[in-house]
Amino acid sequence: MKKLNCWEFKKCGRQFGGEKVSDLGLCPTVIEISLDGAHDGESGGRACWVLEGTICKGNIQGNFIEKHKECEKCDFYEYVKKQEGNNYLSIETLLKIIEDYNNREL
């Protein structure tokens, strides 16, 4: 069974070539390369709950602190947690992956 990324599951239209990119912009999940491979997803597509600027209920969301309680109620969040089981990466782990990536030496 293919593991869906958030844009495939939610059909938001903010992925590369999506029908809503011109109105709402490209979603940060599709360009968040630090999380590529997290939960077997593409870019941040299976860890959208830790990324700023995603859409929920038609509204662009703020940062993780502002949105995480709502994300924990999301059907996609539950979908990923269920699929990953014991391999689910905690929020702390995902945030650490982003931090380590951003602080890497170039």
PDB file of N, CA and C in Angstrom:
ATOM      1  N   MET A   1       0.830  -1.186   0.000  1.00  0.00           N
ATOM      2  CA  MET A   1       0.000   0.000   0.000  1.00  0.00           C
ATOM      3  C   MET A   1       0.876   1.252   0.000  1.00  0.00           C
ATOM      4  N   LYS A   2       0.610   2.148  -0.929  1.00  0.00           N
ATOM      5  CA  LYS A   2       1.376   3.386  -1.037  1.00  0.00           C
ATOM      6  C   LYS A   2       1.065   4.293   0.147  1.00  0.00           C
ATOM      7  N   LYS A   3       2.101   4.880   0.690  1.00  0.00           N
ATOM      8  CA  LYS A   3       1.923   5.850   1.768  1.00  0.00           C
ATOM      9  C   LYS A   3       1.733   7.222   1.137  1.00  0.00           C
ATOM     10  N   LEU A   4       0.596   7.815   1.384  1.00  0.00           N
ATOM     11  CA  LEU A   4       0.276   9.102   0.777  1.00  0.00           C
ATOM     12  C   LEU A   4       0.933  10.254   1.516  1.00  0.00           C
ATOM     13  N   ASN A   5       1.320  11.274   0.753  1.00  0.00           N
ATOM     14  CA  ASN A   5       1.752  12.544   1.320  1.00  0.00           C
ATOM     15  C   ASN A   5       0.504  13.371   1.604  1.00  0.00           C
ATOM     16  N   CYS A   6       0.643  14.405   2.413  1.00  0.00           N
ATOM     17  CA  CYS A   6      -0.527  15.188   2.820  1.00  0.00           C
ATOM     18  C   CYS A   6      -1.275  15.781   1.635  1.00  0.00           C
ATOM     19  N   TRP A   7      -0.563  16.265   0.619  1.00  0.00           N
ATOM     20  CA  TRP A   7      -1.247  16.880  -0.522  1.00  0.00           C
ATOM     21  C   TRP A   7      -2.039  15.857  -1.331  1.00  0.00           C
ATOM     22  N   GLU A   8      -1.615  14.600  -1.284  1.00  0.00           N
ATOM     23  CA  GLU A   8      -2.361  13.538  -1.960  1.00  0.00           C
ATOM     24  C   GLU A   8      -3.595  13.140  -1.137  1.00  0.00           C
ATOM     25  N   PHE A   9      -3.418  13.084   0.153  1.00  0.00           N
ATOM     26  CA  PHE A   9      -4.496  12.685   1.064  1.00  0.00           C
ATOM     27  C   PHE A   9      -5.565  13.771   1.185  1.00  0.00           C
ATOM     28  N   LYS A  10      -5.124  15.017   1.372  1.00  0.00           N
ATOM     29  CA  LYS A  10      -6.053  16.129   1.603  1.00  0.00           C
ATOM     30  C   LYS A  10      -6.511  16.804   0.314  1.00  0.00           C
ATOM     31  N   LYS A  11      -5.790  16.556  -0.774  1.00  0.00           N
ATOM     32  CA  LYS A  11      -6.128  17.146  -2.081  1.00  0.00           C
ATOM     33  C   LYS A  11      -6.244  18.674  -2.007  1.00  0.00           C
ATOM     34  N   CYS A  12      -5.230  19.289  -1.414  1.00  0.00           N
ATOM     35  CA  CYS A  12      -5.234  20.744  -1.201  1.00  0.00           C
ATOM     36  C   CYS A  12      -4.894  21.542  -2.453  1.00  0.00           C
ATOM     37  N   GLY A  13      -4.207  20.922  -3.406  1.00  0.00           N
ATOM     38  CA  GLY A  13      -3.852  21.618  -4.638  1.00  0.00           C
ATOM     39  C   GLY A  13      -2.677  22.569  -4.519  1.00  0.00           C
ATOM     40  N   ARG A  14      -1.880  22.459  -3.436  1.00  0.00           N
ATOM     41  CA  ARG A  14      -0.736  23.355  -3.246  1.00  0.00           C
ATOM     42  C   ARG A  14       0.604  22.673  -3.538  1.00  0.00           C
ATOM     43  N   GLN A  15       0.583  21.488  -4.150  1.00  0.00           N
ATOM     44  CA  GLN A  15       1.809  20.802  -4.541  1.00  0.00           C
ATOM     45  C   GLN A  15       2.286  21.352  -5.886  1.00  0.00           C
ATOM     46  N   PHE A  16       3.496  20.973  -6.306  1.00  0.00           N
ATOM     47  CA  PHE A  16       3.999  21.392  -7.614  1.00  0.00           C
ATOM     48  C   PHE A  16       2.957  21.064  -8.675  1.00  0.00           C
ATOM     49  N   GLY A  17       2.569  22.051  -9.462  1.00  0.00           N
ATOM     50  CA  GLY A  17       1.580  21.859 -10.508  1.00  0.00           C
ATOM     51  C   GLY A  17       0.140  21.826 -10.024  1.00  0.00           C
ATOM     52  N   GLY A  18      -0.070  22.055  -8.731  1.00  0.00           N
ATOM     53  CA  GLY A  18      -1.420  21.998  -8.165  1.00  0.00           C
ATOM     54  C   GLY A  18      -2.293  23.162  -8.607  1.00  0.00           C
ATOM     55  N   GLU A  19      -3.594  22.929  -8.628  1.00  0.00           N
ATOM     56  CA  GLU A  19      -4.537  23.925  -9.138  1.00  0.00           C
ATOM     57  C   GLU A  19      -4.712  25.143  -8.235  1.00  0.00           C
ATOM     58  N   LYS A  20      -4.244  25.096  -6.990  1.00  0.00           N
ATOM     59  CA  LYS A  20      -4.421  26.242  -6.090  1.00  0.00           C
ATOM     60  C   LYS A  20      -3.124  26.995  -5.804  1.00  0.00           C
ATOM     61  N   VAL A  21      -2.038  26.596  -6.445  1.00  0.00           N
ATOM     62  CA  VAL A  21      -0.751  27.248  -6.204  1.00  0.00           C
ATOM     63  C   VAL A  21      -0.805  28.729  -6.566  1.00  0.00           C
ATOM     64  N   SER A  22      -1.464  29.078  -7.663  1.00  0.00           N
ATOM     65  CA  SER A  22      -1.509  30.487  -8.077  1.00  0.00           C
ATOM     66  C   SER A  22      -2.279  31.346  -7.074  1.00  0.00           C
ATOM     67  N   ASP A  23      -3.256  30.779  -6.396  1.00  0.00           N
ATOM     68  CA  ASP A  23      -4.038  31.532  -5.414  1.00  0.00           C
ATOM     69  C   ASP A  23      -3.437  31.495  -4.012  1.00  0.00           C
ATOM     70  N   LEU A  24      -2.984  30.316  -3.575  1.00  0.00           N
ATOM     71  CA  LEU A  24      -2.555  30.127  -2.190  1.00  0.00           C
ATOM     72  C   LEU A  24      -1.052  29.946  -2.020  1.00  0.00           C
ATOM     73  N   GLY A  25      -0.345  29.789  -3.121  1.00  0.00           N
ATOM     74  CA  GLY A  25       1.094  29.570  -3.052  1.00  0.00           C
ATOM     75  C   GLY A  25       1.436  28.098  -2.892  1.00  0.00           C
ATOM     76  N   LEU A  26       2.692  27.801  -3.122  1.00  0.00           N
ATOM     77  CA  LEU A  26       3.210  26.447  -2.973  1.00  0.00           C
ATOM     78  C   LEU A  26       3.279  26.116  -1.484  1.00  0.00           C
ATOM     79  N   CYS A  27       2.822  24.954  -1.116  1.00  0.00           N
ATOM     80  CA  CYS A  27       2.829  24.558   0.289  1.00  0.00           C
ATOM     81  C   CYS A  27       4.261  24.300   0.762  1.00  0.00           C
ATOM     82  N   PRO A  28       4.587  24.733   1.983  1.00  0.00           N
ATOM     83  CA  PRO A  28       5.928  24.482   2.515  1.00  0.00           C
ATOM     84  C   PRO A  28       6.272  22.997   2.631  1.00  0.00           C
ATOM     85  N   THR A  29       5.278  22.136   2.703  1.00  0.00           N
ATOM     86  CA  THR A  29       5.590  20.706   2.827  1.00  0.00           C
ATOM     87  C   THR A  29       6.312  20.167   1.602  1.00  0.00           C
ATOM     88  N   VAL A  30       6.001  20.696   0.430  1.00  0.00           N
ATOM     89  CA  VAL A  30       6.593  20.150  -0.792  1.00  0.00           C
ATOM     90  C   VAL A  30       8.032  20.605  -1.009  1.00  0.00           C
ATOM     91  N   ILE A  31       8.458  21.618  -0.271  1.00  0.00           N
ATOM     92  CA  ILE A  31       9.831  22.110  -0.429  1.00  0.00           C
ATOM     93  C   ILE A  31      10.689  21.898   0.817  1.00  0.00           C
ATOM     94  N   GLU A  32      10.140  21.287   1.848  1.00  0.00           N
ATOM     95  CA  GLU A  32      10.876  21.057   3.102  1.00  0.00           C
ATOM     96  C   GLU A  32      11.752  19.820   2.967  1.00  0.00           C
ATOM     97  N   ILE A  33      12.938  20.023   2.397  1.00  0.00           N
ATOM     98  CA  ILE A  33      13.798  18.878   2.092  1.00  0.00           C
ATOM     99  C   ILE A  33      14.415  18.230   3.332  1.00  0.00           C
ATOM    100  N   SER A  34      14.453  18.943   4.450  1.00  0.00           N
ATOM    101  CA  SER A  34      15.032  18.346   5.656  1.00  0.00           C
ATOM    102  C   SER A  34      14.238  17.125   6.117  1.00  0.00           C
ATOM    103  N   LEU A  35      12.958  17.078   5.788  1.00  0.00           N
ATOM    104  CA  LEU A  35      12.104  15.968   6.221  1.00  0.00           C
ATOM    105  C   LEU A  35      11.864  14.935   5.120  1.00  0.00           C
ATOM    106  N   ASP A  36      12.600  15.046   4.021  1.00  0.00           N
ATOM    107  CA  ASP A  36      12.443  14.077   2.939  1.00  0.00           C
ATOM    108  C   ASP A  36      12.738  12.678   3.473  1.00  0.00           C
ATOM    109  N   GLY A  37      11.798  11.784   3.306  1.00  0.00           N
ATOM    110  CA  GLY A  37      11.953  10.416   3.788  1.00  0.00           C
ATOM    111  C   GLY A  37      11.338  10.162   5.156  1.00  0.00           C
ATOM    112  N   ALA A  38      10.993  11.225   5.895  1.00  0.00           N
ATOM    113  CA  ALA A  38      10.353  11.030   7.195  1.00  0.00           C
ATOM    114  C   ALA A  38       9.019  10.321   6.984  1.00  0.00           C
ATOM    115  N   HIS A  39       8.823   9.238   7.687  1.00  0.00           N
ATOM    116  CA  HIS A  39       7.623   8.402   7.539  1.00  0.00           C
ATOM    117  C   HIS A  39       7.445   7.928   6.091  1.00  0.00           C
ATOM    118  N   ASP A  40       8.573   7.790   5.381  1.00  0.00           N
ATOM    119  CA  ASP A  40       8.574   7.355   3.977  1.00  0.00           C
ATOM    120  C   ASP A  40       7.866   8.338   3.060  1.00  0.00           C
ATOM    121  N   GLY A  41       7.859   9.607   3.436  1.00  0.00           N
ATOM    122  CA  GLY A  41       7.199  10.627   2.628  1.00  0.00           C
ATOM    123  C   GLY A  41       8.160  11.398   1.750  1.00  0.00           C
ATOM    124  N   GLU A  42       7.576  12.184   0.877  1.00  0.00           N
ATOM    125  CA  GLU A  42       8.330  13.061  -0.019  1.00  0.00           C
ATOM    126  C   GLU A  42       8.400  14.445   0.619  1.00  0.00           C
ATOM    127  N   SER A  43       9.597  14.993   0.710  1.00  0.00           N
ATOM    128  CA  SER A  43       9.825  16.283   1.373  1.00  0.00           C
ATOM    129  C   SER A  43       9.161  16.233   2.752  1.00  0.00           C
ATOM    130  N   GLY A  44       8.342  17.220   3.111  1.00  0.00           N
ATOM    131  CA  GLY A  44       7.668  17.207   4.414  1.00  0.00           C
ATOM    132  C   GLY A  44       6.257  16.660   4.352  1.00  0.00           C
ATOM    133  N   GLY A  45       5.958  15.899   3.325  1.00  0.00           N
ATOM    134  CA  GLY A  45       4.601  15.460   3.047  1.00  0.00           C
ATOM    135  C   GLY A  45       3.973  14.497   4.027  1.00  0.00           C
ATOM    136  N   ARG A  46       4.777  13.915   4.929  1.00  0.00           N
ATOM    137  CA  ARG A  46       4.202  13.042   5.956  1.00  0.00           C
ATOM    138  C   ARG A  46       4.610  13.515   7.348  1.00  0.00           C
ATOM    139  N   ALA A  47       4.838  14.833   7.428  1.00  0.00           N
ATOM    140  CA  ALA A  47       5.150  15.463   8.714  1.00  0.00           C
ATOM    141  C   ALA A  47       4.680  16.917   8.707  1.00  0.00           C
ATOM    142  N   CYS A  48       3.597  17.185   8.008  1.00  0.00           N
ATOM    143  CA  CYS A  48       3.106  18.556   7.815  1.00  0.00           C
ATOM    144  C   CYS A  48       2.755  19.250   9.123  1.00  0.00           C
ATOM    145  N   TRP A  49       2.445  18.496  10.152  1.00  0.00           N
ATOM    146  CA  TRP A  49       2.029  19.076  11.432  1.00  0.00           C
ATOM    147  C   TRP A  49       3.135  19.836  12.141  1.00  0.00           C
ATOM    148  N   VAL A  50       4.372  19.687  11.730  1.00  0.00           N
ATOM    149  CA  VAL A  50       5.449  20.464  12.354  1.00  0.00           C
ATOM    150  C   VAL A  50       5.893  21.640  11.489  1.00  0.00           C
ATOM    151  N   LEU A  51       5.218  21.862  10.370  1.00  0.00           N
ATOM    152  CA  LEU A  51       5.627  22.905   9.429  1.00  0.00           C
ATOM    153  C   LEU A  51       4.665  24.087   9.422  1.00  0.00           C
ATOM    154  N   GLU A  52       5.231  25.267   9.381  1.00  0.00           N
ATOM    155  CA  GLU A  52       4.462  26.511   9.314  1.00  0.00           C
ATOM    156  C   GLU A  52       3.920  26.728   7.906  1.00  0.00           C
ATOM    157  N   GLY A  53       2.712  27.286   7.811  1.00  0.00           N
ATOM    158  CA  GLY A  53       2.171  27.690   6.519  1.00  0.00           C
ATOM    159  C   GLY A  53       1.359  26.647   5.781  1.00  0.00           C
ATOM    160  N   THR A  54       1.032  25.550   6.452  1.00  0.00           N
ATOM    161  CA  THR A  54       0.163  24.555   5.832  1.00  0.00           C
ATOM    162  C   THR A  54      -1.289  25.025   5.930  1.00  0.00           C
ATOM    163  N   ILE A  55      -2.180  24.346   5.240  1.00  0.00           N
ATOM    164  CA  ILE A  55      -3.598  24.737   5.252  1.00  0.00           C
ATOM    165  C   ILE A  55      -4.408  23.741   6.069  1.00  0.00           C
ATOM    166  N   CYS A  56      -5.311  24.277   6.866  1.00  0.00           N
ATOM    167  CA  CYS A  56      -6.265  23.463   7.609  1.00  0.00           C
ATOM    168  C   CYS A  56      -7.621  24.143   7.523  1.00  0.00           C
ATOM    169  N   LYS A  57      -8.614  23.384   7.128  1.00  0.00           N
ATOM    170  CA  LYS A  57      -9.979  23.911   7.016  1.00  0.00           C
ATOM    171  C   LYS A  57     -10.032  25.177   6.163  1.00  0.00           C
ATOM    172  N   GLY A  58      -9.206  25.210   5.117  1.00  0.00           N
ATOM    173  CA  GLY A  58      -9.219  26.318   4.174  1.00  0.00           C
ATOM    174  C   GLY A  58      -8.407  27.529   4.571  1.00  0.00           C
ATOM    175  N   ASN A  59      -7.747  27.483   5.729  1.00  0.00           N
ATOM    176  CA  ASN A  59      -6.960  28.626   6.206  1.00  0.00           C
ATOM    177  C   ASN A  59      -5.493  28.263   6.344  1.00  0.00           C
ATOM    178  N   ILE A  60      -4.628  29.184   5.933  1.00  0.00           N
ATOM    179  CA  ILE A  60      -3.192  28.973   6.104  1.00  0.00           C
ATOM    180  C   ILE A  60      -2.876  29.105   7.590  1.00  0.00           C
ATOM    181  N   GLN A  61      -2.166  28.115   8.102  1.00  0.00           N
ATOM    182  CA  GLN A  61      -1.866  28.025   9.528  1.00  0.00           C
ATOM    183  C   GLN A  61      -0.551  28.707   9.882  1.00  0.00           C
ATOM    184  N   GLY A  62      -0.403  29.000  11.148  1.00  0.00           N
ATOM    185  CA  GLY A  62       0.810  29.621  11.668  1.00  0.00           C
ATOM    186  C   GLY A  62       1.877  28.584  11.968  1.00  0.00           C
ATOM    187  N   ASN A  63       2.705  28.908  12.951  1.00  0.00           N
ATOM    188  CA  ASN A  63       3.817  28.021  13.293  1.00  0.00           C
ATOM    189  C   ASN A  63       3.341  26.824  14.123  1.00  0.00           C
ATOM    190  N   PHE A  64       4.271  25.953  14.416  1.00  0.00           N
ATOM    191  CA  PHE A  64       3.958  24.719  15.130  1.00  0.00           C
ATOM    192  C   PHE A  64       3.283  24.989  16.470  1.00  0.00           C
ATOM    193  N   ILE A  65       3.776  25.956  17.214  1.00  0.00           N
ATOM    194  CA  ILE A  65       3.217  26.265  18.531  1.00  0.00           C
ATOM    195  C   ILE A  65       1.742  26.641  18.406  1.00  0.00           C
ATOM    196  N   GLU A  66       1.418  27.407  17.371  1.00  0.00           N
ATOM    197  CA  GLU A  66       0.050  27.887  17.184  1.00  0.00           C
ATOM    198  C   GLU A  66      -0.902  26.799  16.685  1.00  0.00           C
ATOM    199  N   LYS A  67      -0.394  25.814  15.979  1.00  0.00           N
ATOM    200  CA  LYS A  67      -1.290  24.884  15.290  1.00  0.00           C
ATOM    201  C   LYS A  67      -1.274  23.445  15.778  1.00  0.00           C
ATOM    202  N   HIS A  68      -0.325  23.054  16.596  1.00  0.00           N
ATOM    203  CA  HIS A  68      -0.142  21.626  16.875  1.00  0.00           C
ATOM    204  C   HIS A  68      -1.347  20.947  17.520  1.00  0.00           C
ATOM    205  N   LYS A  69      -2.094  21.640  18.350  1.00  0.00           N
ATOM    206  CA  LYS A  69      -3.270  21.011  18.985  1.00  0.00           C
ATOM    207  C   LYS A  69      -4.327  20.643  17.942  1.00  0.00           C
ATOM    208  N   GLU A  70      -4.518  21.515  16.953  1.00  0.00           N
ATOM    209  CA  GLU A  70      -5.468  21.208  15.876  1.00  0.00           C
ATOM    210  C   GLU A  70      -4.949  20.074  15.000  1.00  0.00           C
ATOM    211  N   CYS A  71      -3.651  20.070  14.738  1.00  0.00           N
ATOM    212  CA  CYS A  71      -3.069  19.022  13.896  1.00  0.00           C
ATOM    213  C   CYS A  71      -3.241  17.639  14.525  1.00  0.00           C
ATOM    214  N   GLU A  72      -3.181  17.572  15.848  1.00  0.00           N
ATOM    215  CA  GLU A  72      -3.337  16.287  16.519  1.00  0.00           C
ATOM    216  C   GLU A  72      -4.740  15.703  16.338  1.00  0.00           C
ATOM    217  N   LYS A  73      -5.703  16.525  15.922  1.00  0.00           N
ATOM    218  CA  LYS A  73      -7.077  16.071  15.662  1.00  0.00           C
ATOM    219  C   LYS A  73      -7.301  15.742  14.181  1.00  0.00           C
ATOM    220  N   CYS A  74      -6.303  15.987  13.358  1.00  0.00           N
ATOM    221  CA  CYS A  74      -6.429  15.866  11.905  1.00  0.00           C
ATOM    222  C   CYS A  74      -6.476  14.400  11.457  1.00  0.00           C
ATOM    223  N   ASP A  75      -7.325  14.130  10.476  1.00  0.00           N
ATOM    224  CA  ASP A  75      -7.432  12.770   9.949  1.00  0.00           C
ATOM    225  C   ASP A  75      -6.139  12.310   9.277  1.00  0.00           C
ATOM    226  N   PHE A  76      -5.387  13.230   8.676  1.00  0.00           N
ATOM    227  CA  PHE A  76      -4.126  12.837   8.050  1.00  0.00           C
ATOM    228  C   PHE A  76      -3.078  12.487   9.109  1.00  0.00           C
ATOM    229  N   TYR A  77      -3.010  13.265  10.168  1.00  0.00           N
ATOM    230  CA  TYR A  77      -2.091  12.984  11.279  1.00  0.00           C
ATOM    231  C   TYR A  77      -2.372  11.579  11.831  1.00  0.00           C
ATOM    232  N   GLU A  78      -3.629  11.271  12.065  1.00  0.00           N
ATOM    233  CA  GLU A  78      -4.009   9.949  12.568  1.00  0.00           C
ATOM    234  C   GLU A  78      -3.671   8.846  11.560  1.00  0.00           C
ATOM    235  N   TYR A  79      -3.860   9.142  10.279  1.00  0.00           N
ATOM    236  CA  TYR A  79      -3.538   8.204   9.197  1.00  0.00           C
ATOM    237  C   TYR A  79      -2.049   7.835   9.234  1.00  0.00           C
ATOM    238  N   VAL A  80      -1.192   8.846   9.366  1.00  0.00           N
ATOM    239  CA  VAL A  80       0.256   8.601   9.402  1.00  0.00           C
ATOM    240  C   VAL A  80       0.630   7.832  10.668  1.00  0.00           C
ATOM    241  N   LYS A  81       0.120   8.259  11.812  1.00  0.00           N
ATOM    242  CA  LYS A  81       0.440   7.566  13.071  1.00  0.00           C
ATOM    243  C   LYS A  81       0.046   6.093  13.004  1.00  0.00           C
ATOM    244  N   LYS A  82      -1.115   5.821  12.449  1.00  0.00           N
ATOM    245  CA  LYS A  82      -1.582   4.436  12.350  1.00  0.00           C
ATOM    246  C   LYS A  82      -0.704   3.633  11.394  1.00  0.00           C
ATOM    247  N   GLN A  83      -0.377   4.205  10.250  1.00  0.00           N
ATOM    248  CA  GLN A  83       0.468   3.496   9.282  1.00  0.00           C
ATOM    249  C   GLN A  83       1.859   3.229   9.836  1.00  0.00           C
ATOM    250  N   GLU A  84       2.412   4.198  10.537  1.00  0.00           N
ATOM    251  CA  GLU A  84       3.792   4.076  11.008  1.00  0.00           C
ATOM    252  C   GLU A  84       3.921   3.186  12.240  1.00  0.00           C
ATOM    253  N   GLY A  85       2.902   3.131  13.068  1.00  0.00           N
ATOM    254  CA  GLY A  85       2.976   2.292  14.264  1.00  0.00           C
ATOM    255  C   GLY A  85       4.203   2.613  15.098  1.00  0.00           C
ATOM    256  N   ASN A  86       5.019   1.607  15.378  1.00  0.00           N
ATOM    257  CA  ASN A  86       6.226   1.797  16.195  1.00  0.00           C
ATOM    258  C   ASN A  86       7.302   2.615  15.496  1.00  0.00           C
ATOM    259  N   ASN A  87       7.170   2.823  14.191  1.00  0.00           N
ATOM    260  CA  ASN A  87       8.144   3.621  13.438  1.00  0.00           C
ATOM    261  C   ASN A  87       7.767   5.097  13.365  1.00  0.00           C
ATOM    262  N   TYR A  88       6.670   5.475  14.023  1.00  0.00           N
ATOM    263  CA  TYR A  88       6.237   6.877  14.029  1.00  0.00           C
ATOM    264  C   TYR A  88       7.310   7.738  14.688  1.00  0.00           C
ATOM    265  N   LEU A  89       7.693   8.812  14.001  1.00  0.00           N
ATOM    266  CA  LEU A  89       8.679   9.751  14.539  1.00  0.00           C
ATOM    267  C   LEU A  89       7.943  10.800  15.361  1.00  0.00           C
ATOM    268  N   SER A  90       8.354  10.963  16.602  1.00  0.00           N
ATOM    269  CA  SER A  90       7.693  11.923  17.484  1.00  0.00           C
ATOM    270  C   SER A  90       7.872  13.345  16.965  1.00  0.00           C
ATOM    271  N   ILE A  91       7.029  14.226  17.448  1.00  0.00           N
ATOM    272  CA  ILE A  91       7.133  15.637  17.086  1.00  0.00           C
ATOM    273  C   ILE A  91       8.512  16.167  17.452  1.00  0.00           C
ATOM    274  N   GLU A  92       9.008  15.790  18.619  1.00  0.00           N
ATOM    275  CA  GLU A  92      10.334  16.234  19.052  1.00  0.00           C
ATOM    276  C   GLU A  92      11.413  15.769  18.077  1.00  0.00           C
ATOM    277  N   THR A  93      11.313  14.530  17.621  1.00  0.00           N
ATOM    278  CA  THR A  93      12.285  13.993  16.665  1.00  0.00           C
ATOM    279  C   THR A  93      12.225  14.746  15.346  1.00  0.00           C
ATOM    280  N   LEU A  94      11.020  15.010  14.857  1.00  0.00           N
ATOM    281  CA  LEU A  94      10.869  15.743  13.594  1.00  0.00           C
ATOM    282  C   LEU A  94      11.441  17.155  13.705  1.00  0.00           C
ATOM    283  N   LEU A  95      11.157  17.830  14.810  1.00  0.00           N
ATOM    284  CA  LEU A  95      11.697  19.182  15.007  1.00  0.00           C
ATOM    285  C   LEU A  95      13.219  19.157  15.108  1.00  0.00           C
ATOM    286  N   LYS A  96      13.769  18.119  15.729  1.00  0.00           N
ATOM    287  CA  LYS A  96      15.228  17.977  15.836  1.00  0.00           C
ATOM    288  C   LYS A  96      15.846  17.734  14.460  1.00  0.00           C
ATOM    289  N   ILE A  97      15.189  16.961  13.617  1.00  0.00           N
ATOM    290  CA  ILE A  97      15.682  16.726  12.254  1.00  0.00           C
ATOM    291  C   ILE A  97      15.774  18.049  11.502  1.00  0.00           C
ATOM    292  N   ILE A  98      14.734  18.870  11.615  1.00  0.00           N
ATOM    293  CA  ILE A  98      14.736  20.185  10.954  1.00  0.00           C
ATOM    294  C   ILE A  98      15.849  21.056  11.511  1.00  0.00           C
ATOM    295  N   GLU A  99      15.972  21.097  12.835  1.00  0.00           N
ATOM    296  CA  GLU A  99      17.004  21.916  13.475  1.00  0.00           C
ATOM    297  C   GLU A  99      18.401  21.474  13.044  1.00  0.00           C
ATOM    298  N   ASP A 100      18.663  20.180  13.087  1.00  0.00           N
ATOM    299  CA  ASP A 100      19.978  19.670  12.686  1.00  0.00           C
ATOM    300  C   ASP A 100      20.273  19.988  11.224  1.00  0.00           C
ATOM    301  N   TYR A 101      19.279  19.867  10.379  1.00  0.00           N
ATOM    302  CA  TYR A 101      19.463  20.179   8.964  1.00  0.00           C
ATOM    303  C   TYR A 101      19.796  21.660   8.785  1.00  0.00           C
ATOM    304  N   ASN A 102      19.065  22.517   9.468  1.00  0.00           N
ATOM    305  CA  ASN A 102      19.290  23.959   9.339  1.00  0.00           C
ATOM    306  C   ASN A 102      20.621  24.408   9.928  1.00  0.00           C
ATOM    307  N   ASN A 103      21.160  23.643  10.877  1.00  0.00           N
ATOM    308  CA  ASN A 103      22.427  23.998  11.521  1.00  0.00           C
ATOM    309  C   ASN A 103      23.628  23.249  10.949  1.00  0.00           C
ATOM    310  N   ARG A 104      23.416  22.495   9.892  1.00  0.00           N
ATOM    311  CA  ARG A 104      24.515  21.720   9.312  1.00  0.00           C
ATOM    312  C   ARG A 104      25.563  22.657   8.705  1.00  0.00           C
ATOM    313  N   GLU A 105      26.773  22.161   8.619  1.00  0.00           N
ATOM    314  CA  GLU A 105      27.836  22.936   7.977  1.00  0.00           C
ATOM    315  C   GLU A 105      27.742  22.738   6.477  1.00  0.00           C
ATOM    316  N   LEU A 106      27.848  23.842   5.769  1.00  0.00           N
ATOM    317  CA  LEU A 106      27.772  23.775   4.302  1.00  0.00           C
ATOM    318  C   LEU A 106      29.148  23.777   3.689  1.00  0.00           C
TER     319      LEU A 106
END
